[in-house]
Amino acid sequence: MVIMLSDVGGVSGVRSTLSSVKVPPDVIEQIVKFLETTSGEFDPDGFTPVAGTWFGGSGSAATLGLHTGKAHAKINNALLEAVMGIQDTTSAIETFDREISRADADSEAAAQALLHRTQLAVDQMDGDRNTPPTRTSTPGSDR
C-alpha cells in the first residue's frame, strides 16, 4: 500500500491541517521540510528487511537484528497511524465546519422569523397604524 502526499492534500493540506489542530509553527515547518525533501510518498513496505547477518554472526548481532526489525515495524505503524490521524482530523474539521455553518444559518433564520413575528405583534397592538409615539411633556419641563 502506497500513500501519496496528494492523498492528504499535498504539503499545503498537511500544513493547514496541522495548523487547525494547533501544532506549533516550528514543528509544522520541520514536518513540511521533511515532506518537501522526500519523494512525496510513503511506502510502508519500503523498509528493507533486516538480514540476519547484517550485524555479524554472533548471538548479540542476531538480537540486534531482531530489535531493528521490530523498530522498523513500529515506525511503519506509527507513520500509518499519523497519516490516518491527519485524515481523520481533516474529516472531523470539515464535518464541524459544515455543522457550525448549518447551525449559524438555522440560528439566523430563527432570529429573522422571531423579529418578523415580533414586528407583526407590535403592528397589531398599534392597530396596524404604525403611528409614532406622542409627546406628553410640555416644552421646558424635565418630562
C-alpha atoms as a PDB file:
ATOM      1  CA  MET A   1       0.000   0.000   0.000  1.00  0.00           C
ATOM      2  CA  VAL A   2       1.425   3.373  -1.023  1.00  0.00           C
ATOM      3  CA  ILE A   3       0.108   6.595   0.473  1.00  0.00           C
ATOM      4  CA  MET A   4       0.751   9.584  -1.751  1.00  0.00           C
ATOM      5  CA  LEU A   5       1.276  13.027  -0.295  1.00  0.00           C
ATOM      6  CA  SER A   6      -1.531  14.158  -2.580  1.00  0.00           C
ATOM      7  CA  ASP A   7      -3.871  11.793  -0.692  1.00  0.00           C
ATOM      8  CA  VAL A   8      -3.659  14.131   2.303  1.00  0.00           C
ATOM      9  CA  GLY A   9      -3.948  17.366   0.319  1.00  0.00           C
ATOM     10  CA  GLY A  10      -0.293  17.845  -0.506  1.00  0.00           C
ATOM     11  CA  VAL A  11       2.104  19.887   1.574  1.00  0.00           C
ATOM     12  CA  SER A  12      -0.416  22.724   1.891  1.00  0.00           C
ATOM     13  CA  GLY A  13      -3.073  20.265   3.089  1.00  0.00           C
ATOM     14  CA  VAL A  14      -0.713  18.925   5.715  1.00  0.00           C
ATOM     15  CA  ARG A  15       0.254  22.480   6.758  1.00  0.00           C
ATOM     16  CA  SER A  16      -3.366  23.661   7.066  1.00  0.00           C
ATOM     17  CA  THR A  17      -4.468  20.510   8.890  1.00  0.00           C
ATOM     18  CA  LEU A  18      -1.633  20.753  11.378  1.00  0.00           C
ATOM     19  CA  SER A  19      -2.316  24.472  11.887  1.00  0.00           C
ATOM     20  CA  SER A  20      -6.001  23.812  12.501  1.00  0.00           C
ATOM     21  CA  VAL A  21      -5.190  21.370  15.291  1.00  0.00           C
ATOM     22  CA  LYS A  22      -2.793  23.879  16.877  1.00  0.00           C
ATOM     23  CA  VAL A  23       0.523  22.174  16.147  1.00  0.00           C
ATOM     24  CA  PRO A  24       3.314  24.680  16.923  1.00  0.00           C
ATOM     25  CA  PRO A  25       4.571  26.505  13.799  1.00  0.00           C
ATOM     26  CA  ASP A  26       8.177  25.337  14.242  1.00  0.00           C
ATOM     27  CA  VAL A  27       7.048  21.692  14.327  1.00  0.00           C
ATOM     28  CA  ILE A  28       4.914  22.258  11.226  1.00  0.00           C
ATOM     29  CA  GLU A  29       7.927  23.715   9.420  1.00  0.00           C
ATOM     30  CA  GLN A  30      10.038  20.676  10.347  1.00  0.00           C
ATOM     31  CA  ILE A  31       7.354  18.322   9.046  1.00  0.00           C
ATOM     32  CA  VAL A  32       6.893  20.331   5.844  1.00  0.00           C
ATOM     33  CA  LYS A  33      10.662  20.458   5.286  1.00  0.00           C
ATOM     34  CA  PHE A  34      10.804  16.677   5.669  1.00  0.00           C
ATOM     35  CA  LEU A  35       7.886  16.188   3.277  1.00  0.00           C
ATOM     36  CA  GLU A  36       9.408  18.505   0.694  1.00  0.00           C
ATOM     37  CA  THR A  37      12.691  16.597   0.738  1.00  0.00           C
ATOM     38  CA  THR A  38      11.095  13.155   0.340  1.00  0.00           C
ATOM     39  CA  SER A  39       9.793  11.635  -2.833  1.00  0.00           C
ATOM     40  CA  GLY A  40       6.257  12.586  -1.837  1.00  0.00           C
ATOM     41  CA  GLU A  41       5.145   9.112  -0.920  1.00  0.00           C
ATOM     42  CA  PHE A  42       5.432   6.705   1.938  1.00  0.00           C
ATOM     43  CA  ASP A  43       5.635   3.027   1.202  1.00  0.00           C
ATOM     44  CA  PRO A  44       5.187   1.085   4.441  1.00  0.00           C
ATOM     45  CA  ASP A  45       6.650  -1.966   2.714  1.00  0.00           C
ATOM     46  CA  GLY A  46       9.654   0.101   1.645  1.00  0.00           C
ATOM     47  CA  PHE A  47      11.817  -0.672   4.666  1.00  0.00           C
ATOM     48  CA  THR A  48      14.499  -3.129   3.731  1.00  0.00           C
ATOM     49  CA  PRO A  49      14.065  -6.217   5.874  1.00  0.00           C
ATOM     50  CA  VAL A  50      16.922  -6.755   8.278  1.00  0.00           C
ATOM     51  CA  ALA A  51      19.036  -9.690   7.211  1.00  0.00           C
ATOM     52  CA  GLY A  52      20.291 -11.946   9.975  1.00  0.00           C
ATOM     53  CA  THR A  53      23.899 -11.333   9.042  1.00  0.00           C
ATOM     54  CA  TRP A  54      23.798  -7.553   8.852  1.00  0.00           C
ATOM     55  CA  PHE A  55      25.277  -7.131  12.292  1.00  0.00           C
ATOM     56  CA  GLY A  56      27.522 -10.188  12.241  1.00  0.00           C
ATOM     57  CA  GLY A  57      27.105 -13.811  13.156  1.00  0.00           C
ATOM     58  CA  SER A  58      27.094 -13.590  16.956  1.00  0.00           C
ATOM     59  CA  GLY A  59      24.056 -14.031  19.183  1.00  0.00           C
ATOM     60  CA  SER A  60      24.196 -10.341  20.110  1.00  0.00           C
ATOM     61  CA  ALA A  61      24.175  -9.403  16.423  1.00  0.00           C
ATOM     62  CA  ALA A  62      21.111 -11.577  15.846  1.00  0.00           C
ATOM     63  CA  THR A  63      19.367  -9.923  18.801  1.00  0.00           C
ATOM     64  CA  LEU A  64      20.266  -6.504  17.404  1.00  0.00           C
ATOM     65  CA  GLY A  65      18.833  -7.556  14.032  1.00  0.00           C
ATOM     66  CA  LEU A  66      15.621  -8.737  15.705  1.00  0.00           C
ATOM     67  CA  HIS A  67      15.245  -5.437  17.552  1.00  0.00           C
ATOM     68  CA  THR A  68      15.970  -3.472  14.377  1.00  0.00           C
ATOM     69  CA  GLY A  69      13.197  -5.376  12.596  1.00  0.00           C
ATOM     70  CA  LYS A  70      10.822  -4.624  15.455  1.00  0.00           C
ATOM     71  CA  ALA A  71      11.788  -0.942  15.280  1.00  0.00           C
ATOM     72  CA  HIS A  72      11.024  -0.905  11.554  1.00  0.00           C
ATOM     73  CA  ALA A  73       7.581  -2.390  12.247  1.00  0.00           C
ATOM     74  CA  LYS A  74       6.901   0.230  14.933  1.00  0.00           C
ATOM     75  CA  ILE A  75       7.914   3.027  12.548  1.00  0.00           C
ATOM     76  CA  ASN A  76       5.653   1.586   9.836  1.00  0.00           C
ATOM     77  CA  ASN A  77       2.716   1.524  12.223  1.00  0.00           C
ATOM     78  CA  ALA A  78       3.435   4.978  13.650  1.00  0.00           C
ATOM     79  CA  LEU A  79       3.637   6.579  10.207  1.00  0.00           C
ATOM     80  CA  LEU A  80       0.449   4.889   9.034  1.00  0.00           C
ATOM     81  CA  GLU A  81      -1.338   5.959  12.211  1.00  0.00           C
ATOM     82  CA  ALA A  82      -0.079   9.529  11.759  1.00  0.00           C
ATOM     83  CA  VAL A  83      -1.370   9.701   8.189  1.00  0.00           C
ATOM     84  CA  MET A  84      -4.709   8.192   9.201  1.00  0.00           C
ATOM     85  CA  GLY A  85      -4.886  10.593  12.144  1.00  0.00           C
ATOM     86  CA  ILE A  86      -4.345  13.574   9.864  1.00  0.00           C
ATOM     87  CA  GLN A  87      -7.032  12.288   7.503  1.00  0.00           C
ATOM     88  CA  ASP A  88      -9.462  11.687  10.390  1.00  0.00           C
ATOM     89  CA  THR A  89      -8.733  15.124  11.839  1.00  0.00           C
ATOM     90  CA  THR A  90      -9.298  16.762   8.451  1.00  0.00           C
ATOM     91  CA  SER A  91     -12.588  14.932   8.085  1.00  0.00           C
ATOM     92  CA  ALA A  92     -13.671  15.910  11.602  1.00  0.00           C
ATOM     93  CA  ILE A  93     -12.785  19.563  10.984  1.00  0.00           C
ATOM     94  CA  GLU A  94     -14.729  19.582   7.708  1.00  0.00           C
ATOM     95  CA  THR A  95     -17.739  17.992   9.460  1.00  0.00           C
ATOM     96  CA  PHE A  96     -17.512  20.542  12.278  1.00  0.00           C
ATOM     97  CA  ASP A  97     -17.322  23.392   9.764  1.00  0.00           C
ATOM     98  CA  ARG A  98     -20.412  22.122   7.910  1.00  0.00           C
ATOM     99  CA  GLU A  99     -22.364  21.656  11.135  1.00  0.00           C
ATOM    100  CA  ILE A 100     -21.429  25.036  12.604  1.00  0.00           C
ATOM    101  CA  SER A 101     -22.280  26.757   9.322  1.00  0.00           C
ATOM    102  CA  ARG A 102     -25.641  24.980   9.223  1.00  0.00           C
ATOM    103  CA  ALA A 103     -26.296  25.913  12.877  1.00  0.00           C
ATOM    104  CA  ASP A 104     -25.411  29.549  12.152  1.00  0.00           C
ATOM    105  CA  ALA A 105     -27.762  29.596   9.173  1.00  0.00           C
ATOM    106  CA  ASP A 106     -30.555  27.989  11.221  1.00  0.00           C
ATOM    107  CA  SER A 107     -29.966  30.438  14.055  1.00  0.00           C
ATOM    108  CA  GLU A 108     -30.073  33.395  11.676  1.00  0.00           C
ATOM    109  CA  ALA A 109     -33.280  32.123  10.099  1.00  0.00           C
ATOM    110  CA  ALA A 110     -34.855  31.618  13.536  1.00  0.00           C
ATOM    111  CA  ALA A 111     -33.815  35.116  14.645  1.00  0.00           C
ATOM    112  CA  GLN A 112     -35.272  36.670  11.497  1.00  0.00           C
ATOM    113  CA  ALA A 113     -38.532  34.754  11.953  1.00  0.00           C
ATOM    114  CA  LEU A 114     -38.736  35.900  15.585  1.00  0.00           C
ATOM    115  CA  LEU A 115     -38.090  39.518  14.593  1.00  0.00           C
ATOM    116  CA  HIS A 116     -40.769  39.282  11.900  1.00  0.00           C
ATOM    117  CA  ARG A 117     -43.328  37.806  14.358  1.00  0.00           C
ATOM    118  CA  THR A 118     -42.440  40.470  16.919  1.00  0.00           C
ATOM    119  CA  GLN A 119     -42.919  43.232  14.376  1.00  0.00           C
ATOM    120  CA  LEU A 120     -46.289  41.775  13.380  1.00  0.00           C
ATOM    121  CA  ALA A 121     -47.344  41.631  17.034  1.00  0.00           C
ATOM    122  CA  VAL A 122     -46.274  45.243  17.618  1.00  0.00           C
ATOM    123  CA  ASP A 123     -48.133  46.344  14.486  1.00  0.00           C
ATOM    124  CA  GLN A 124     -51.287  44.547  15.655  1.00  0.00           C
ATOM    125  CA  MET A 125     -51.049  46.103  19.122  1.00  0.00           C
ATOM    126  CA  ASP A 126     -50.836  49.500  17.433  1.00  0.00           C
ATOM    127  CA  GLY A 127     -53.906  48.721  15.369  1.00  0.00           C
ATOM    128  CA  ASP A 128     -51.768  48.473  12.247  1.00  0.00           C
ATOM    129  CA  ARG A 129     -51.496  52.269  12.263  1.00  0.00           C
ATOM    130  CA  ASN A 130     -47.721  52.453  12.752  1.00  0.00           C
ATOM    131  CA  THR A 131     -48.204  55.789  14.479  1.00  0.00           C
ATOM    132  CA  PRO A 132     -45.221  57.429  16.150  1.00  0.00           C
ATOM    133  CA  PRO A 133     -45.356  57.886  19.945  1.00  0.00           C
ATOM    134  CA  THR A 134     -46.948  61.105  21.089  1.00  0.00           C
ATOM    135  CA  ARG A 135     -45.064  63.608  23.148  1.00  0.00           C
ATOM    136  CA  THR A 136     -46.776  64.052  26.512  1.00  0.00           C
ATOM    137  CA  SER A 137     -44.418  66.549  28.097  1.00  0.00           C
ATOM    138  CA  THR A 138     -44.633  70.252  27.750  1.00  0.00           C
ATOM    139  CA  PRO A 139     -41.733  72.298  26.415  1.00  0.00           C
ATOM    140  CA  GLY A 140     -39.282  73.331  29.141  1.00  0.00           C
ATOM    141  CA  SER A 141     -40.206  70.528  31.573  1.00  0.00           C
ATOM    142  CA  ASP A 142     -37.972  67.608  32.520  1.00  0.00           C
ATOM    143  CA  ARG A 143     -40.505  65.088  31.270  1.00  0.00           C
END
